[in-house]
Amino acid sequence: MAVKTFTTEVLTSADTNTYLANSGLVYVTTKTFSATSTLTCSSVFTSTYDNYVAVVALSPTPSPSIVQTTMLSGTTPATTNYYSYEAGNLWAGSADVTSNPSTAYWFGLRSANYIFATMSIWQPSTTNYTSFSSEGVDDTQSWQARGVHKTATAYDGIQFYNASGNMSGTITFYGYRKA
């Protein structure tokens, strides 16, 4: 879409509607799940959008649990070359910092009862490295995490899994509209 510069012109309602329709986040899909150890979110990432946001609300069991993430090609998870860093503050008042060098998953969302988070995912459907940034809260802390998957592969999905039990909840994906 060409950028229109307004100098002495009047911004019309038609122009406003066009610019509003061509900006912001676009709903892609919602995955709802119950009592599963693995949530496979296939066919989420396409060339329609370069970057995405996932809004995560889940409850893992047993208590506590660590929910991990991997990128997917079809239904096959990528299991190497993940680098991430997490920094948080426990509600009890102490800092919690963790790094995750070159392991089989991105980061672990630790929780005893619930997890609410947003996760930005950059360039998953290209052959560039895929990066992420997330922040959220759970029943013990607030946290921020950043990372990169250092594999030059295009992915179409992401997987969330609980290695020690099950989880229930929703994950909603949005694409950043290209202008």
Foldseek 3Di string as FASTA:
>chain_A
DDDDDDDPDDCDPVNVVVVVVQFDKAWQDKDFDDFAQKDWFFQRDDPQFQKKKKWWKKFWDDFKWWKFKFFAAGRDGQFWQKWKKKWKAWPVGHIDIDIDGIGGTHGIDIARTMKTKMKMWGRQQFQQKIKIWMWTDYPTITMIMIIIRPGRHHTRIMMIGIPPTTMGTMMIMIGGRDD
